[in-house]
Protein backbone atom coordinates (compact mmCIF):
# COMPACT_ATOMS: atom_id res chain seq x y z
CA MET A 1 12.77 -11.31 6.77
CA HIS A 2 11.01 -11.91 3.47
CA PHE A 3 7.97 -13.58 5.05
CA LYS A 4 7.47 -10.62 7.38
CA TYR A 5 7.47 -8.27 4.40
CA ALA A 6 5.03 -10.63 2.67
CA ALA A 7 2.69 -10.41 5.67
CA ILE A 8 2.89 -6.60 5.66
CA LEU A 9 2.19 -6.45 1.91
CA ASN A 10 -0.72 -8.87 2.30
CA ILE A 11 -2.30 -6.82 5.09
CA VAL A 12 -1.87 -3.52 3.25
CA PHE A 13 -3.08 -4.70 -0.16
CA VAL A 14 -6.13 -6.57 1.16
CA THR A 15 -7.07 -3.57 3.31
CA PHE A 16 -6.61 -1.11 0.46
CA THR A 17 -8.49 -3.32 -2.00
CA PHE A 18 -11.59 -3.92 0.10
CA GLY A 19 -11.35 -1.16 2.74
CA PHE A 20 -13.61 1.30 0.93
CA GLY A 21 -16.48 -1.18 1.06
CA ILE A 22 -15.59 -2.71 4.45
CA PRO A 23 -14.22 0.14 6.59
CA ILE A 24 -13.69 -2.09 9.64
CA LEU A 25 -10.64 -3.45 7.79
CA TYR A 26 -8.67 -0.28 8.58
CA PRO A 27 -8.62 -0.72 12.39
CA ILE A 28 -8.11 -4.47 11.95
CA ALA A 29 -5.11 -3.81 9.70
CA ALA A 30 -3.73 -1.26 12.16
CA MET A 31 -3.98 -3.82 14.97
CA ALA A 32 -2.40 -6.53 12.82
CA LEU A 33 0.53 -4.27 11.91
CA LEU A 34 0.93 -3.21 15.55
CA ILE A 35 0.98 -6.83 16.73
CA LEU A 36 3.44 -7.75 13.97
CA TYR A 37 5.68 -4.86 15.06
CA LEU A 38 5.53 -5.74 18.77
CA VAL A 39 6.20 -9.43 18.17
CA GLU A 40 9.12 -8.65 15.88
CA LYS A 41 10.59 -6.15 18.35
CA THR A 42 10.27 -8.68 21.18
CA MET A 43 11.84 -11.41 19.09
CA LEU A 44 14.69 -9.12 18.11
CA TYR A 45 15.54 -8.42 21.75
CA TYR A 46 14.94 -11.83 23.30
CA ALA A 47 15.00 -14.64 20.74
CA TYR A 48 17.19 -13.95 17.72
CA ARG A 49 20.80 -14.95 18.22
CA LEU A 50 22.17 -13.05 15.23
CA PRO A 51 21.04 -9.78 13.68
CA PRO A 52 19.26 -10.22 10.35
CA MET A 53 21.64 -10.22 7.41
CA TYR A 54 20.05 -8.35 4.55
CA ASP A 55 20.72 -5.24 2.56
CA GLU A 56 18.48 -2.42 1.37
CA ARG A 57 17.38 -4.16 -1.85
CA LEU A 58 14.58 -6.10 -0.15
CA SER A 59 13.28 -3.00 1.64
CA ASN A 60 13.44 -0.92 -1.53
CA SER A 61 11.55 -3.53 -3.54
CA VAL A 62 8.84 -3.69 -0.86
CA LEU A 63 8.54 0.11 -0.88
CA ASP A 64 8.27 0.06 -4.68
CA MET A 65 5.46 -2.52 -4.48
CA MET A 66 3.77 -0.55 -1.72
CA SER A 67 3.45 2.45 -4.04
CA TYR A 68 0.80 0.52 -5.99
CA ALA A 69 -1.48 0.04 -2.95
CA PRO A 70 -3.15 3.47 -3.31
CA LEU A 71 -3.98 2.57 -6.91
CA PHE A 72 -5.87 -0.45 -5.61
CA LEU A 73 -7.67 1.69 -3.02
CA LEU A 74 -8.75 4.30 -5.56
CA SER A 75 -9.71 1.92 -8.37
CA PHE A 76 -11.70 -0.51 -6.23
CA GLY A 77 -13.08 2.40 -4.20
CA TYR A 78 -14.30 4.03 -7.40
CA TRP A 79 -15.89 0.76 -8.48
CA MET A 80 -17.71 0.45 -5.17
CA ALA A 81 -18.70 4.13 -4.96
CA SER A 82 -20.06 4.15 -8.50
CA ASN A 83 -22.23 1.10 -7.85
CA LYS A 84 -25.64 2.66 -7.26
CA GLN A 85 -27.00 -0.53 -5.68
CA ILE A 86 -24.57 -0.21 -2.79
CA LEU A 87 -25.64 3.37 -2.09
CA SER A 88 -29.41 3.05 -2.52
CA ASN A 89 -32.19 0.46 -2.85
CA GLU A 90 -33.86 2.42 -5.65
CA ASN A 91 -31.68 0.77 -8.30
CA LEU A 92 -32.45 -2.86 -7.52
CA GLU A 93 -33.84 -5.06 -10.28
CA PRO A 94 -36.42 -7.72 -9.32
CA LYS A 95 -35.71 -11.38 -10.07
CA GLU A 96 -38.32 -13.89 -11.18
CA ARG A 97 -36.49 -16.91 -9.80
CA MET A 98 -33.86 -17.35 -7.09
CA THR A 99 -31.49 -18.87 -9.60
CA ASP A 100 -31.59 -15.87 -11.94
CA PRO A 101 -28.38 -13.80 -11.94
CA ASP A 102 -28.37 -10.41 -10.31
CA ILE A 103 -28.78 -7.55 -12.77
CA THR A 104 -26.59 -4.72 -11.50
CA ASN A 105 -26.37 -2.42 -14.52
CA HIS A 106 -22.88 -1.70 -13.19
CA THR A 107 -20.59 -2.18 -16.17
CA MET A 108 -17.55 -0.52 -17.71
CA ARG A 109 -19.84 1.15 -20.25
CA GLY A 110 -20.96 3.61 -17.55
CA PHE A 111 -17.39 4.84 -17.24
CA PHE A 112 -17.10 5.60 -20.94
CA THR A 113 -20.57 7.15 -21.34
CA GLY A 114 -20.00 9.97 -18.86
CA ASP A 115 -21.30 8.26 -15.72
CA VAL A 116 -17.82 8.69 -14.28
CA PHE A 117 -18.69 12.09 -12.80
CA SER A 118 -21.43 10.82 -10.52
CA ALA A 119 -20.88 11.59 -6.86
CA PRO A 120 -19.25 10.30 -4.66
CA ALA A 121 -17.10 8.36 -7.14
CA TRP A 122 -15.50 11.04 -9.31
CA PRO A 123 -12.84 12.24 -6.79
CA LEU A 124 -11.60 8.68 -6.53
CA MET A 125 -11.33 8.39 -10.31
CA MET A 126 -9.53 11.72 -10.66
CA LEU A 127 -7.02 10.77 -7.95
CA PHE A 128 -6.56 7.37 -9.58
CA CYS A 129 -5.78 9.01 -12.94
CA PHE A 130 -3.36 11.41 -11.25
CA LEU A 131 -1.54 8.57 -9.47
CA VAL A 132 -1.32 6.46 -12.62
CA LEU A 133 0.23 9.41 -14.45
CA ASN A 134 2.57 9.90 -11.50
CA GLN A 135 3.61 6.24 -11.64
CA ILE A 136 4.31 6.50 -15.36
CA PHE A 137 5.83 9.99 -15.67
CA GLY A 138 6.76 10.86 -12.06
CA LYS A 139 10.52 10.35 -12.31
CA ARG A 140 10.75 12.31 -15.55
CA MET A 141 8.68 15.18 -14.11
CA PHE A 142 10.84 15.20 -11.00
CA SER A 143 13.98 15.43 -13.12
CA TYR A 144 12.50 18.50 -14.85
CA LEU A 145 11.71 20.02 -11.46
CA VAL A 146 15.29 19.39 -10.34
CA MET A 147 16.52 21.18 -13.46
CA LEU A 148 14.38 24.20 -12.51
CA PHE A 149 15.04 23.98 -8.76
CA PRO A 150 18.40 22.27 -8.11
CA ASP A 151 17.92 22.35 -4.32
CA LEU A 152 15.19 19.71 -4.62
CA GLU A 153 17.67 16.99 -5.47
CA ILE A 154 18.59 14.63 -2.69
CA GLY A 155 21.88 13.04 -3.58
CA ASP A 156 23.41 9.86 -2.31
CA LEU A 157 24.53 10.46 1.22
CA GLU A 158 27.82 8.94 2.13
CA LEU A 159 27.95 8.39 5.85
CA ASP A 160 31.29 7.96 7.48
CA GLU A 161 30.54 7.44 11.14
CA ASP A 162 33.76 5.59 12.01
CA ILE A 163 31.76 2.80 13.61
CA ASP A 164 33.37 -0.59 13.78
CA ASN A 165 31.54 -3.66 12.53
CA TYR A 166 28.89 -5.31 14.69
CA TRP A 167 31.06 -8.00 16.30
CA ALA A 168 33.96 -5.68 17.05
CA ALA A 169 31.60 -3.15 18.68
CA LEU A 170 30.32 -5.73 21.20
CA ASP A 171 32.02 -6.18 24.53
CA ASP A 172 33.40 -9.63 25.44
CA LYS A 173 30.36 -10.70 27.49
CA ASP A 174 27.86 -9.84 24.75
CA ARG A 175 30.05 -11.43 22.08
CA ASP A 176 30.24 -14.66 24.09
CA TRP A 177 26.48 -14.63 24.63
CA ALA A 178 25.81 -14.12 20.90
């Protein structure tokens, strides 16, 4: 199961990191996730002899890691959107020789000197700042909201469905096949 989660994380993080500059990655990622889903569903029905034995810890850790993917999208998207050479040819610097390095004038100094509010980059930076603050202070802020509005809290649900374990729930033919 862990390598399937690794493939999902790889697809999502690569797409979110470079998707702003290469938009074709979004449909490619959607197709890759669809194919991964269909193959896994087919394998579950026709190839696996035993159900996967894992608990919720792996899924919860993957969901926790997945919460950082939008930060990658917004930070790298801001970096690409604030690069004036990507958006226009007016900001290109000529080179004397082929071996000379490209002069982009795209440095961190522009962020600190007020160039952060140039369109179309500033919404990405504002959302990035909001999400970083949410990552840092989100649980504390939610606890304050729960104090003000107690109905917001979702407690641990204890399900008692009176369902027998997997092997006892199977009929004799399916148990023999498995």
